[in-house]
Amino acid sequence: MSLVYVFLADGFEEIEALTTVDLLRRAGIETKTVSISEKYEVLGAHKIEVKADLLFDEADFEKADMIFLPGGIPGTPNLAAHRGLTEQILAFHKQGKKLAAICAAPGIYGELGLLEGKAATCYPGFEDKLKGALPTEKKVITTDHITTARGMGVSIEMGLELIKVLDSEEKAKKIASQIQYASIG
C-alpha cells in the first residue's frame, strides 16, 4: 500500500490539503499529515486549526511513496523555507518517487529545478515560479512522477488524479461516483 505525506505549514490552504487527504483515505491510500513546525497544531490560511498526524522529525521518508504540498499564502513560502522538506523533495525527485503540489506550491518544485521541460500548472500569476516548465492551463496534470494543479477549485480533481497515479483510474472513478462527483473523465 502507498504512503502519502501531506505537508502542513502555517498559512496552508485548508481545502487543498484536507480534500486531498479525505479522497486518498477514502481510496484506502495511507495518508498522513505532517507539520513542519515544532507543534502538531497548524493554522490554515483561513484560521482553521488542524492537528497534524506527525511532526516532520517523526516522518519515515524511506517508507513514503509521495510528497504532497498544498498551496496557500503564507503556507507555500513557509514550506519552501523548510530546509529538511526541500532536501526530502530533492531526494524523492532523484529516486523518481512521486511529487504533487497545488496552487502556488508547484512553484517550490520549479524553484528547485525539478520541472525543467515538464508540463506543469499552478495558480494563475505564479507561472514565473515554474522555472523551466512548459506551463499549461490544465486544471491538473501529471508529467512523469510530478502532479500539479491550479488551486482550491480543483481540489477534488487533484485528489482523484492522485488516486489514479497511486492506484488506478478504476478506483478514482469509483470514489468519484461514491462522492457524487460527475466531472471525472
Foldseek 3Di string as FASTA:
>chain_A
DAEEEEEWAAFFAVLLRPLLVVLCVVLVHHYFYEYADPAQWHAYNVRDIDGTPYYPVPDDLVRHQEYEYGDGVPGQVVQLPRPVNLVSVVVCLVVQGAYEYAALNCLSCLQVVNQADAEEEHAPPNVVSNHNHDYDPDQWDDDRRYIYGYHSVCSLVRSLVVCCVVPRNVSSVVSCVVVVNDPDD
